[in-house]
mmCIF file of all heavy atoms, coordinates in Angstrom:
data_MODEL
# 
_entry.id   MODEL 
# 
loop_
_atom_site.group_PDB 
_atom_site.id 
_atom_site.type_symbol 
_atom_site.label_atom_id 
_atom_site.label_alt_id 
_atom_site.label_comp_id 
_atom_site.label_asym_id 
_atom_site.label_entity_id 
_atom_site.label_seq_id 
_atom_site.pdbx_PDB_ins_code 
_atom_site.Cartn_x 
_atom_site.Cartn_y 
_atom_site.Cartn_z 
_atom_site.occupancy 
_atom_site.B_iso_or_equiv 
_atom_site.pdbx_formal_charge 
_atom_site.auth_seq_id 
_atom_site.auth_comp_id 
_atom_site.auth_asym_id 
_atom_site.auth_atom_id 
_atom_site.pdbx_PDB_model_num 
ATOM 1   N N   . PHE A 1 1  ? -6.425  -4.191 3.796   1.00 0.00 ? 1  PHE A N   1 
ATOM 2   C CA  . PHE A 1 1  ? -7.549  -4.309 2.882   1.00 0.00 ? 1  PHE A CA  1 
ATOM 3   C C   . PHE A 1 1  ? -7.720  -3.027 2.065   1.00 0.00 ? 1  PHE A C   1 
ATOM 4   O O   . PHE A 1 1  ? -7.810  -3.070 0.839   1.00 0.00 ? 1  PHE A O   1 
ATOM 5   C CB  . PHE A 1 1  ? -8.836  -4.619 3.671   1.00 0.00 ? 1  PHE A CB  1 
ATOM 6   C CG  . PHE A 1 1  ? -10.099 -4.468 2.873   1.00 0.00 ? 1  PHE A CG  1 
ATOM 7   C CD1 . PHE A 1 1  ? -10.501 -5.460 1.998   1.00 0.00 ? 1  PHE A CD1 1 
ATOM 8   C CD2 . PHE A 1 1  ? -10.886 -3.335 2.998   1.00 0.00 ? 1  PHE A CD2 1 
ATOM 9   C CE1 . PHE A 1 1  ? -11.675 -5.326 1.260   1.00 0.00 ? 1  PHE A CE1 1 
ATOM 10  C CE2 . PHE A 1 1  ? -12.057 -3.188 2.275   1.00 0.00 ? 1  PHE A CE2 1 
ATOM 11  C CZ  . PHE A 1 1  ? -12.455 -4.187 1.397   1.00 0.00 ? 1  PHE A CZ  1 
ATOM 12  N N   . PHE A 1 2  ? -7.767  -1.884 2.738   1.00 0.00 ? 2  PHE A N   1 
ATOM 13  C CA  . PHE A 1 2  ? -8.015  -0.637 2.024   1.00 0.00 ? 2  PHE A CA  1 
ATOM 14  C C   . PHE A 1 2  ? -6.828  -0.226 1.158   1.00 0.00 ? 2  PHE A C   1 
ATOM 15  O O   . PHE A 1 2  ? -7.022  0.317  0.065   1.00 0.00 ? 2  PHE A O   1 
ATOM 16  C CB  . PHE A 1 2  ? -8.407  0.478  2.984   1.00 0.00 ? 2  PHE A CB  1 
ATOM 17  C CG  . PHE A 1 2  ? -9.784  0.293  3.534   1.00 0.00 ? 2  PHE A CG  1 
ATOM 18  C CD1 . PHE A 1 2  ? -9.977  0.044  4.873   1.00 0.00 ? 2  PHE A CD1 1 
ATOM 19  C CD2 . PHE A 1 2  ? -10.880 0.317  2.694   1.00 0.00 ? 2  PHE A CD2 1 
ATOM 20  C CE1 . PHE A 1 2  ? -11.245 -0.159 5.377   1.00 0.00 ? 2  PHE A CE1 1 
ATOM 21  C CE2 . PHE A 1 2  ? -12.162 0.117  3.184   1.00 0.00 ? 2  PHE A CE2 1 
ATOM 22  C CZ  . PHE A 1 2  ? -12.344 -0.124 4.527   1.00 0.00 ? 2  PHE A CZ  1 
ATOM 23  N N   . ALA A 1 3  ? -5.628  -0.466 1.609   1.00 0.00 ? 3  ALA A N   1 
ATOM 24  C CA  . ALA A 1 3  ? -4.458  -0.139 0.795   1.00 0.00 ? 3  ALA A CA  1 
ATOM 25  C C   . ALA A 1 3  ? -4.487  -0.935 -0.510  1.00 0.00 ? 3  ALA A C   1 
ATOM 26  O O   . ALA A 1 3  ? -4.251  -0.380 -1.590  1.00 0.00 ? 3  ALA A O   1 
ATOM 27  C CB  . ALA A 1 3  ? -3.178  -0.408 1.574   1.00 0.00 ? 3  ALA A CB  1 
ATOM 28  N N   . LEU A 1 4  ? -4.792  -2.223 -0.412  1.00 0.00 ? 4  LEU A N   1 
ATOM 29  C CA  . LEU A 1 4  ? -4.860  -3.047 -1.617  1.00 0.00 ? 4  LEU A CA  1 
ATOM 30  C C   . LEU A 1 4  ? -6.087  -2.711 -2.454  1.00 0.00 ? 4  LEU A C   1 
ATOM 31  O O   . LEU A 1 4  ? -6.016  -2.687 -3.687  1.00 0.00 ? 4  LEU A O   1 
ATOM 32  C CB  . LEU A 1 4  ? -4.844  -4.526 -1.247  1.00 0.00 ? 4  LEU A CB  1 
ATOM 33  C CG  . LEU A 1 4  ? -3.509  -5.026 -0.690  1.00 0.00 ? 4  LEU A CG  1 
ATOM 34  C CD1 . LEU A 1 4  ? -3.658  -6.417 -0.096  1.00 0.00 ? 4  LEU A CD1 1 
ATOM 35  C CD2 . LEU A 1 4  ? -2.427  -5.000 -1.762  1.00 0.00 ? 4  LEU A CD2 1 
ATOM 36  N N   . TYR A 1 5  ? -7.205  -2.443 -1.811  1.00 0.00 ? 5  TYR A N   1 
ATOM 37  C CA  . TYR A 1 5  ? -8.429  -2.090 -2.521  1.00 0.00 ? 5  TYR A CA  1 
ATOM 38  C C   . TYR A 1 5  ? -8.237  -0.792 -3.314  1.00 0.00 ? 5  TYR A C   1 
ATOM 39  O O   . TYR A 1 5  ? -8.604  -0.699 -4.483  1.00 0.00 ? 5  TYR A O   1 
ATOM 40  C CB  . TYR A 1 5  ? -9.588  -1.930 -1.531  1.00 0.00 ? 5  TYR A CB  1 
ATOM 41  C CG  . TYR A 1 5  ? -10.880 -1.517 -2.176  1.00 0.00 ? 5  TYR A CG  1 
ATOM 42  C CD1 . TYR A 1 5  ? -11.744 -2.460 -2.723  1.00 0.00 ? 5  TYR A CD1 1 
ATOM 43  C CD2 . TYR A 1 5  ? -11.252 -0.177 -2.239  1.00 0.00 ? 5  TYR A CD2 1 
ATOM 44  C CE1 . TYR A 1 5  ? -12.943 -2.082 -3.317  1.00 0.00 ? 5  TYR A CE1 1 
ATOM 45  C CE2 . TYR A 1 5  ? -12.448 0.212  -2.827  1.00 0.00 ? 5  TYR A CE2 1 
ATOM 46  C CZ  . TYR A 1 5  ? -13.280 -0.743 -3.372  1.00 0.00 ? 5  TYR A CZ  1 
ATOM 47  O OH  . TYR A 1 5  ? -14.467 -0.354 -3.959  1.00 0.00 ? 5  TYR A OH  1 
ATOM 48  N N   . ASP A 1 6  ? -7.650  0.202  -2.673  1.00 0.00 ? 6  ASP A N   1 
ATOM 49  C CA  . ASP A 1 6  ? -7.506  1.519  -3.293  1.00 0.00 ? 6  ASP A CA  1 
ATOM 50  C C   . ASP A 1 6  ? -6.309  1.628  -4.228  1.00 0.00 ? 6  ASP A C   1 
ATOM 51  O O   . ASP A 1 6  ? -6.381  2.342  -5.232  1.00 0.00 ? 6  ASP A O   1 
ATOM 52  C CB  . ASP A 1 6  ? -7.371  2.605  -2.219  1.00 0.00 ? 6  ASP A CB  1 
ATOM 53  C CG  . ASP A 1 6  ? -8.652  2.834  -1.434  1.00 0.00 ? 6  ASP A CG  1 
ATOM 54  O OD1 . ASP A 1 6  ? -9.750  2.514  -1.938  1.00 0.00 ? 6  ASP A OD1 1 
ATOM 55  O OD2 . ASP A 1 6  ? -8.553  3.331  -0.298  1.00 0.00 ? 6  ASP A OD2 1 
ATOM 56  N N   . GLU A 1 7  ? -5.202  0.957  -3.901  1.00 0.00 ? 7  GLU A N   1 
ATOM 57  C CA  . GLU A 1 7  ? -3.960  1.264  -4.613  1.00 0.00 ? 7  GLU A CA  1 
ATOM 58  C C   . GLU A 1 7  ? -3.066  0.056  -4.878  1.00 0.00 ? 7  GLU A C   1 
ATOM 59  O O   . GLU A 1 7  ? -1.843  0.180  -4.890  1.00 0.00 ? 7  GLU A O   1 
ATOM 60  C CB  . GLU A 1 7  ? -3.174  2.310  -3.820  1.00 0.00 ? 7  GLU A CB  1 
ATOM 61  C CG  . GLU A 1 7  ? -3.937  3.606  -3.650  1.00 0.00 ? 7  GLU A CG  1 
ATOM 62  C CD  . GLU A 1 7  ? -3.148  4.672  -2.901  1.00 0.00 ? 7  GLU A CD  1 
ATOM 63  O OE1 . GLU A 1 7  ? -2.075  4.374  -2.349  1.00 0.00 ? 7  GLU A OE1 1 
ATOM 64  O OE2 . GLU A 1 7  ? -3.626  5.814  -2.879  1.00 0.00 ? 7  GLU A OE2 1 
ATOM 65  N N   . HIS A 1 8  ? -3.631  -1.119 -5.102  1.00 0.00 ? 8  HIS A N   1 
ATOM 66  C CA  . HIS A 1 8  ? -2.774  -2.297 -5.267  1.00 0.00 ? 8  HIS A CA  1 
ATOM 67  C C   . HIS A 1 8  ? -1.778  -2.164 -6.416  1.00 0.00 ? 8  HIS A C   1 
ATOM 68  O O   . HIS A 1 8  ? -0.692  -2.717 -6.363  1.00 0.00 ? 8  HIS A O   1 
ATOM 69  C CB  . HIS A 1 8  ? -3.602  -3.584 -5.392  1.00 0.00 ? 8  HIS A CB  1 
ATOM 70  C CG  . HIS A 1 8  ? -4.175  -3.837 -6.738  1.00 0.00 ? 8  HIS A CG  1 
ATOM 71  N ND1 . HIS A 1 8  ? -5.335  -3.224 -7.177  1.00 0.00 ? 8  HIS A ND1 1 
ATOM 72  C CD2 . HIS A 1 8  ? -3.750  -4.624 -7.743  1.00 0.00 ? 8  HIS A CD2 1 
ATOM 73  C CE1 . HIS A 1 8  ? -5.587  -3.637 -8.406  1.00 0.00 ? 8  HIS A CE1 1 
ATOM 74  N NE2 . HIS A 1 8  ? -4.653  -4.484 -8.772  1.00 0.00 ? 8  HIS A NE2 1 
ATOM 75  N N   . LYS A 1 9  ? -2.115  -1.394 -7.420  1.00 0.00 ? 9  LYS A N   1 
ATOM 76  C CA  . LYS A 1 9  ? -1.192  -1.205 -8.552  1.00 0.00 ? 9  LYS A CA  1 
ATOM 77  C C   . LYS A 1 9  ? 0.060   -0.427 -8.153  1.00 0.00 ? 9  LYS A C   1 
ATOM 78  O O   . LYS A 1 9  ? 1.073   -0.487 -8.841  1.00 0.00 ? 9  LYS A O   1 
ATOM 79  C CB  . LYS A 1 9  ? -1.891  -0.483 -9.703  1.00 0.00 ? 9  LYS A CB  1 
ATOM 80  C CG  . LYS A 1 9  ? -3.004  -1.266 -10.351 1.00 0.00 ? 9  LYS A CG  1 
ATOM 81  C CD  . LYS A 1 9  ? -2.481  -2.383 -11.197 1.00 0.00 ? 9  LYS A CD  1 
ATOM 82  C CE  . LYS A 1 9  ? -3.625  -2.984 -12.005 1.00 0.00 ? 9  LYS A CE  1 
ATOM 83  N NZ  . LYS A 1 9  ? -3.211  -4.144 -12.754 1.00 0.00 ? 9  LYS A NZ  1 
ATOM 84  N N   . LYS A 1 10 ? 0.007   0.286  -7.034  1.00 0.00 ? 10 LYS A N   1 
ATOM 85  C CA  . LYS A 1 10 ? 1.166   1.056  -6.560  1.00 0.00 ? 10 LYS A CA  1 
ATOM 86  C C   . LYS A 1 10 ? 2.078   0.233  -5.651  1.00 0.00 ? 10 LYS A C   1 
ATOM 87  O O   . LYS A 1 10 ? 3.111   0.734  -5.212  1.00 0.00 ? 10 LYS A O   1 
ATOM 88  C CB  . LYS A 1 10 ? 0.702   2.304  -5.795  1.00 0.00 ? 10 LYS A CB  1 
ATOM 89  C CG  . LYS A 1 10 ? 0.023   3.329  -6.662  1.00 0.00 ? 10 LYS A CG  1 
ATOM 90  C CD  . LYS A 1 10 ? -0.348  4.545  -5.843  1.00 0.00 ? 10 LYS A CD  1 
ATOM 91  C CE  . LYS A 1 10 ? -1.029  5.606  -6.676  1.00 0.00 ? 10 LYS A CE  1 
ATOM 92  N NZ  . LYS A 1 10 ? -1.417  6.765  -5.855  1.00 0.00 ? 10 LYS A NZ  1 
ATOM 93  N N   . TYR A 1 11 ? 1.698   -0.994 -5.356  1.00 0.00 ? 11 TYR A N   1 
ATOM 94  C CA  . TYR A 1 11 ? 2.506   -1.832 -4.471  1.00 0.00 ? 11 TYR A CA  1 
ATOM 95  C C   . TYR A 1 11 ? 3.885   -2.042 -5.100  1.00 0.00 ? 11 TYR A C   1 
ATOM 96  O O   . TYR A 1 11 ? 3.994   -2.441 -6.256  1.00 0.00 ? 11 TYR A O   1 
ATOM 97  C CB  . TYR A 1 11 ? 1.813   -3.176 -4.232  1.00 0.00 ? 11 TYR A CB  1 
ATOM 98  C CG  . TYR A 1 11 ? 2.588   -4.079 -3.318  1.00 0.00 ? 11 TYR A CG  1 
ATOM 99  C CD1 . TYR A 1 11 ? 2.625   -3.840 -1.952  1.00 0.00 ? 11 TYR A CD1 1 
ATOM 100 C CD2 . TYR A 1 11 ? 3.306   -5.151 -3.818  1.00 0.00 ? 11 TYR A CD2 1 
ATOM 101 C CE1 . TYR A 1 11 ? 3.353   -4.659 -1.104  1.00 0.00 ? 11 TYR A CE1 1 
ATOM 102 C CE2 . TYR A 1 11 ? 4.028   -5.969 -2.983  1.00 0.00 ? 11 TYR A CE2 1 
ATOM 103 C CZ  . TYR A 1 11 ? 4.050   -5.726 -1.626  1.00 0.00 ? 11 TYR A CZ  1 
ATOM 104 O OH  . TYR A 1 11 ? 4.770   -6.531 -0.792  1.00 0.00 ? 11 TYR A OH  1 
ATOM 105 N N   . GLY A 1 12 ? 4.918   -1.760 -4.333  1.00 0.00 ? 12 GLY A N   1 
ATOM 106 C CA  . GLY A 1 12 ? 6.264   -1.825 -4.864  1.00 0.00 ? 12 GLY A CA  1 
ATOM 107 C C   . GLY A 1 12 ? 7.108   -2.994 -4.398  1.00 0.00 ? 12 GLY A C   1 
ATOM 108 O O   . GLY A 1 12 ? 8.270   -3.100 -4.755  1.00 0.00 ? 12 GLY A O   1 
ATOM 109 N N   . GLY A 1 13 ? 6.543   -3.874 -3.577  1.00 0.00 ? 13 GLY A N   1 
ATOM 110 C CA  . GLY A 1 13 ? 7.295   -5.039 -3.149  1.00 0.00 ? 13 GLY A CA  1 
ATOM 111 C C   . GLY A 1 13 ? 7.672   -5.029 -1.675  1.00 0.00 ? 13 GLY A C   1 
ATOM 112 O O   . GLY A 1 13 ? 8.205   -6.018 -1.172  1.00 0.00 ? 13 GLY A O   1 
ATOM 113 N N   . ARG A 1 14 ? 7.429   -3.922 -1.004  1.00 0.00 ? 14 ARG A N   1 
ATOM 114 C CA  . ARG A 1 14 ? 7.720   -3.846 0.436   1.00 0.00 ? 14 ARG A CA  1 
ATOM 115 C C   . ARG A 1 14 ? 6.430   -3.484 1.159   1.00 0.00 ? 14 ARG A C   1 
ATOM 116 O O   . ARG A 1 14 ? 5.981   -2.337 1.112   1.00 0.00 ? 14 ARG A O   1 
ATOM 117 C CB  . ARG A 1 14 ? 8.816   -2.823 0.690   1.00 0.00 ? 14 ARG A CB  1 
ATOM 118 C CG  . ARG A 1 14 ? 10.156  -3.283 0.097   1.00 0.00 ? 14 ARG A CG  1 
ATOM 119 C CD  . ARG A 1 14 ? 11.311  -2.333 0.310   1.00 0.00 ? 14 ARG A CD  1 
ATOM 120 N NE  . ARG A 1 14 ? 11.359  -1.786 1.647   1.00 0.00 ? 14 ARG A NE  1 
ATOM 121 C CZ  . ARG A 1 14 ? 11.747  -0.549 1.922   1.00 0.00 ? 14 ARG A CZ  1 
ATOM 122 N NH1 . ARG A 1 14 ? 12.112  0.251  0.937   1.00 0.00 ? 14 ARG A NH1 1 
ATOM 123 N NH2 . ARG A 1 14 ? 11.773  -0.118 3.166   1.00 0.00 ? 14 ARG A NH2 1 
ATOM 124 N N   . LEU A 1 15 ? 5.843   -4.473 1.819   1.00 0.00 ? 15 LEU A N   1 
ATOM 125 C CA  . LEU A 1 15 ? 4.532   -4.298 2.423   1.00 0.00 ? 15 LEU A CA  1 
ATOM 126 C C   . LEU A 1 15 ? 4.509   -3.192 3.463   1.00 0.00 ? 15 LEU A C   1 
ATOM 127 O O   . LEU A 1 15 ? 3.616   -2.349 3.452   1.00 0.00 ? 15 LEU A O   1 
ATOM 128 C CB  . LEU A 1 15 ? 4.041   -5.616 3.039   1.00 0.00 ? 15 LEU A CB  1 
ATOM 129 C CG  . LEU A 1 15 ? 2.638   -5.579 3.629   1.00 0.00 ? 15 LEU A CG  1 
ATOM 130 C CD1 . LEU A 1 15 ? 1.599   -5.224 2.570   1.00 0.00 ? 15 LEU A CD1 1 
ATOM 131 C CD2 . LEU A 1 15 ? 2.310   -6.902 4.285   1.00 0.00 ? 15 LEU A CD2 1 
ATOM 132 N N   . ALA A 1 16 ? 5.469   -3.169 4.373   1.00 0.00 ? 16 ALA A N   1 
ATOM 133 C CA  . ALA A 1 16 ? 5.474   -2.147 5.432   1.00 0.00 ? 16 ALA A CA  1 
ATOM 134 C C   . ALA A 1 16 ? 5.527   -0.745 4.831   1.00 0.00 ? 16 ALA A C   1 
ATOM 135 O O   . ALA A 1 16 ? 4.788   0.152  5.255   1.00 0.00 ? 16 ALA A O   1 
ATOM 136 C CB  . ALA A 1 16 ? 6.640   -2.367 6.384   1.00 0.00 ? 16 ALA A CB  1 
ATOM 137 N N   . LYS A 1 17 ? 6.362   -0.536 3.838   1.00 0.00 ? 17 LYS A N   1 
ATOM 138 C CA  . LYS A 1 17 ? 6.469   0.771  3.190   1.00 0.00 ? 17 LYS A CA  1 
ATOM 139 C C   . LYS A 1 17 ? 5.160   1.140  2.494   1.00 0.00 ? 17 LYS A C   1 
ATOM 140 O O   . LYS A 1 17 ? 4.681   2.270  2.608   1.00 0.00 ? 17 LYS A O   1 
ATOM 141 C CB  . LYS A 1 17 ? 7.616   0.761  2.179   1.00 0.00 ? 17 LYS A CB  1 
ATOM 142 C CG  . LYS A 1 17 ? 7.841   2.085  1.495   1.00 0.00 ? 17 LYS A CG  1 
ATOM 143 C CD  . LYS A 1 17 ? 9.045   2.023  0.575   1.00 0.00 ? 17 LYS A CD  1 
ATOM 144 C CE  . LYS A 1 17 ? 9.359   3.404  0.083   1.00 0.00 ? 17 LYS A CE  1 
ATOM 145 N NZ  . LYS A 1 17 ? 9.318   3.584  -1.319  1.00 0.00 ? 17 LYS A NZ  1 
ATOM 146 N N   . PHE A 1 18 ? 4.582   0.184  1.792   1.00 0.00 ? 18 PHE A N   1 
ATOM 147 C CA  . PHE A 1 18 ? 3.313   0.402  1.100   1.00 0.00 ? 18 PHE A CA  1 
ATOM 148 C C   . PHE A 1 18 ? 2.216   0.799  2.087   1.00 0.00 ? 18 PHE A C   1 
ATOM 149 O O   . PHE A 1 18 ? 1.496   1.770  1.870   1.00 0.00 ? 18 PHE A O   1 
ATOM 150 C CB  . PHE A 1 18 ? 2.939   -0.889 0.358   1.00 0.00 ? 18 PHE A CB  1 
ATOM 151 C CG  . PHE A 1 18 ? 1.599   -0.883 -0.317  1.00 0.00 ? 18 PHE A CG  1 
ATOM 152 C CD1 . PHE A 1 18 ? 1.336   -0.058 -1.394  1.00 0.00 ? 18 PHE A CD1 1 
ATOM 153 C CD2 . PHE A 1 18 ? 0.601   -1.738 0.121   1.00 0.00 ? 18 PHE A CD2 1 
ATOM 154 C CE1 . PHE A 1 18 ? 0.098   -0.074 -2.027  1.00 0.00 ? 18 PHE A CE1 1 
ATOM 155 C CE2 . PHE A 1 18 ? -0.636  -1.776 -0.500  1.00 0.00 ? 18 PHE A CE2 1 
ATOM 156 C CZ  . PHE A 1 18 ? -0.891  -0.938 -1.582  1.00 0.00 ? 18 PHE A CZ  1 
ATOM 157 N N   . LEU A 1 19 ? 2.114   0.087  3.183   1.00 0.00 ? 19 LEU A N   1 
ATOM 158 C CA  . LEU A 1 19 ? 1.088   0.377  4.186   1.00 0.00 ? 19 LEU A CA  1 
ATOM 159 C C   . LEU A 1 19 ? 1.343   1.716  4.870   1.00 0.00 ? 19 LEU A C   1 
ATOM 160 O O   . LEU A 1 19 ? 0.401   2.482  5.114   1.00 0.00 ? 19 LEU A O   1 
ATOM 161 C CB  . LEU A 1 19 ? 1.006   -0.746 5.217   1.00 0.00 ? 19 LEU A CB  1 
ATOM 162 C CG  . LEU A 1 19 ? 0.535   -2.102 4.681   1.00 0.00 ? 19 LEU A CG  1 
ATOM 163 C CD1 . LEU A 1 19 ? 0.575   -3.149 5.784   1.00 0.00 ? 19 LEU A CD1 1 
ATOM 164 C CD2 . LEU A 1 19 ? -0.829  -2.015 4.042   1.00 0.00 ? 19 LEU A CD2 1 
ATOM 165 N N   . ASN A 1 20 ? 2.590   2.004  5.183   1.00 0.00 ? 20 ASN A N   1 
ATOM 166 C CA  . ASN A 1 20 ? 2.915   3.289  5.821   1.00 0.00 ? 20 ASN A CA  1 
ATOM 167 C C   . ASN A 1 20 ? 2.588   4.459  4.905   1.00 0.00 ? 20 ASN A C   1 
ATOM 168 O O   . ASN A 1 20 ? 2.056   5.480  5.349   1.00 0.00 ? 20 ASN A O   1 
ATOM 169 C CB  . ASN A 1 20 ? 4.380   3.334  6.240   1.00 0.00 ? 20 ASN A CB  1 
ATOM 170 C CG  . ASN A 1 20 ? 4.658   2.504  7.462   1.00 0.00 ? 20 ASN A CG  1 
ATOM 171 O OD1 . ASN A 1 20 ? 3.773   2.240  8.276   1.00 0.00 ? 20 ASN A OD1 1 
ATOM 172 N ND2 . ASN A 1 20 ? 5.901   2.073  7.603   1.00 0.00 ? 20 ASN A ND2 1 
ATOM 173 N N   . GLU A 1 21 ? 2.913   4.334  3.631   1.00 0.00 ? 21 GLU A N   1 
ATOM 174 C CA  . GLU A 1 21 ? 2.613   5.405  2.681   1.00 0.00 ? 21 GLU A CA  1 
ATOM 175 C C   . GLU A 1 21 ? 1.109   5.572  2.513   1.00 0.00 ? 21 GLU A C   1 
ATOM 176 O O   . GLU A 1 21 ? 0.603   6.698  2.470   1.00 0.00 ? 21 GLU A O   1 
ATOM 177 C CB  . GLU A 1 21 ? 3.280   5.126  1.332   1.00 0.00 ? 21 GLU A CB  1 
ATOM 178 C CG  . GLU A 1 21 ? 4.775   5.311  1.379   1.00 0.00 ? 21 GLU A CG  1 
ATOM 179 C CD  . GLU A 1 21 ? 5.487   4.902  0.103   1.00 0.00 ? 21 GLU A CD  1 
ATOM 180 O OE1 . GLU A 1 21 ? 4.835   4.382  -0.838  1.00 0.00 ? 21 GLU A OE1 1 
ATOM 181 O OE2 . GLU A 1 21 ? 6.714   5.081  0.047   1.00 0.00 ? 21 GLU A OE2 1 
ATOM 182 N N   . TYR A 1 22 ? 0.388   4.467  2.445   1.00 0.00 ? 22 TYR A N   1 
ATOM 183 C CA  . TYR A 1 22 ? -1.065  4.552  2.316   1.00 0.00 ? 22 TYR A CA  1 
ATOM 184 C C   . TYR A 1 22 ? -1.658  5.220  3.556   1.00 0.00 ? 22 TYR A C   1 
ATOM 185 O O   . TYR A 1 22 ? -2.523  6.087  3.443   1.00 0.00 ? 22 TYR A O   1 
ATOM 186 C CB  . TYR A 1 22 ? -1.677  3.158  2.112   1.00 0.00 ? 22 TYR A CB  1 
ATOM 187 C CG  . TYR A 1 22 ? -3.174  3.213  1.990   1.00 0.00 ? 22 TYR A CG  1 
ATOM 188 C CD1 . TYR A 1 22 ? -3.769  3.525  0.776   1.00 0.00 ? 22 TYR A CD1 1 
ATOM 189 C CD2 . TYR A 1 22 ? -3.998  3.002  3.085   1.00 0.00 ? 22 TYR A CD2 1 
ATOM 190 C CE1 . TYR A 1 22 ? -5.154  3.612  0.653   1.00 0.00 ? 22 TYR A CE1 1 
ATOM 191 C CE2 . TYR A 1 22 ? -5.376  3.092  2.980   1.00 0.00 ? 22 TYR A CE2 1 
ATOM 192 C CZ  . TYR A 1 22 ? -5.941  3.389  1.766   1.00 0.00 ? 22 TYR A CZ  1 
ATOM 193 O OH  . TYR A 1 22 ? -7.309  3.496  1.653   1.00 0.00 ? 22 TYR A OH  1 
ATOM 194 N N   . MET A 1 23 ? -1.184  4.817  4.719   1.00 0.00 ? 23 MET A N   1 
ATOM 195 C CA  . MET A 1 23 ? -1.694  5.378  5.968   1.00 0.00 ? 23 MET A CA  1 
ATOM 196 C C   . MET A 1 23 ? -1.396  6.878  6.038   1.00 0.00 ? 23 MET A C   1 
ATOM 197 O O   . MET A 1 23 ? -2.259  7.669  6.432   1.00 0.00 ? 23 MET A O   1 
ATOM 198 C CB  . MET A 1 23 ? -1.078  4.657  7.170   1.00 0.00 ? 23 MET A CB  1 
ATOM 199 C CG  . MET A 1 23 ? -1.726  4.992  8.486   1.00 0.00 ? 23 MET A CG  1 
ATOM 200 S SD  . MET A 1 23 ? -1.290  3.891  9.844   1.00 0.00 ? 23 MET A SD  1 
ATOM 201 C CE  . MET A 1 23 ? 0.454   3.661  9.653   1.00 0.00 ? 23 MET A CE  1 
ATOM 202 N N   . ALA A 1 24 ? -0.209  7.271  5.637   1.00 0.00 ? 24 ALA A N   1 
ATOM 203 C CA  . ALA A 1 24 ? 0.146   8.697  5.652   1.00 0.00 ? 24 ALA A CA  1 
ATOM 204 C C   . ALA A 1 24 ? -0.741  9.492  4.690   1.00 0.00 ? 24 ALA A C   1 
ATOM 205 O O   . ALA A 1 24 ? -1.201  10.587 5.027   1.00 0.00 ? 24 ALA A O   1 
ATOM 206 C CB  . ALA A 1 24 ? 1.615   8.876  5.288   1.00 0.00 ? 24 ALA A CB  1 
# 
């Protein structure tokens, strides 16, 4: 939720990578 809320425009097509980068 927060990854998409804060940075959905940065989503690159790989959910796990996107979530890991957001979490980091």
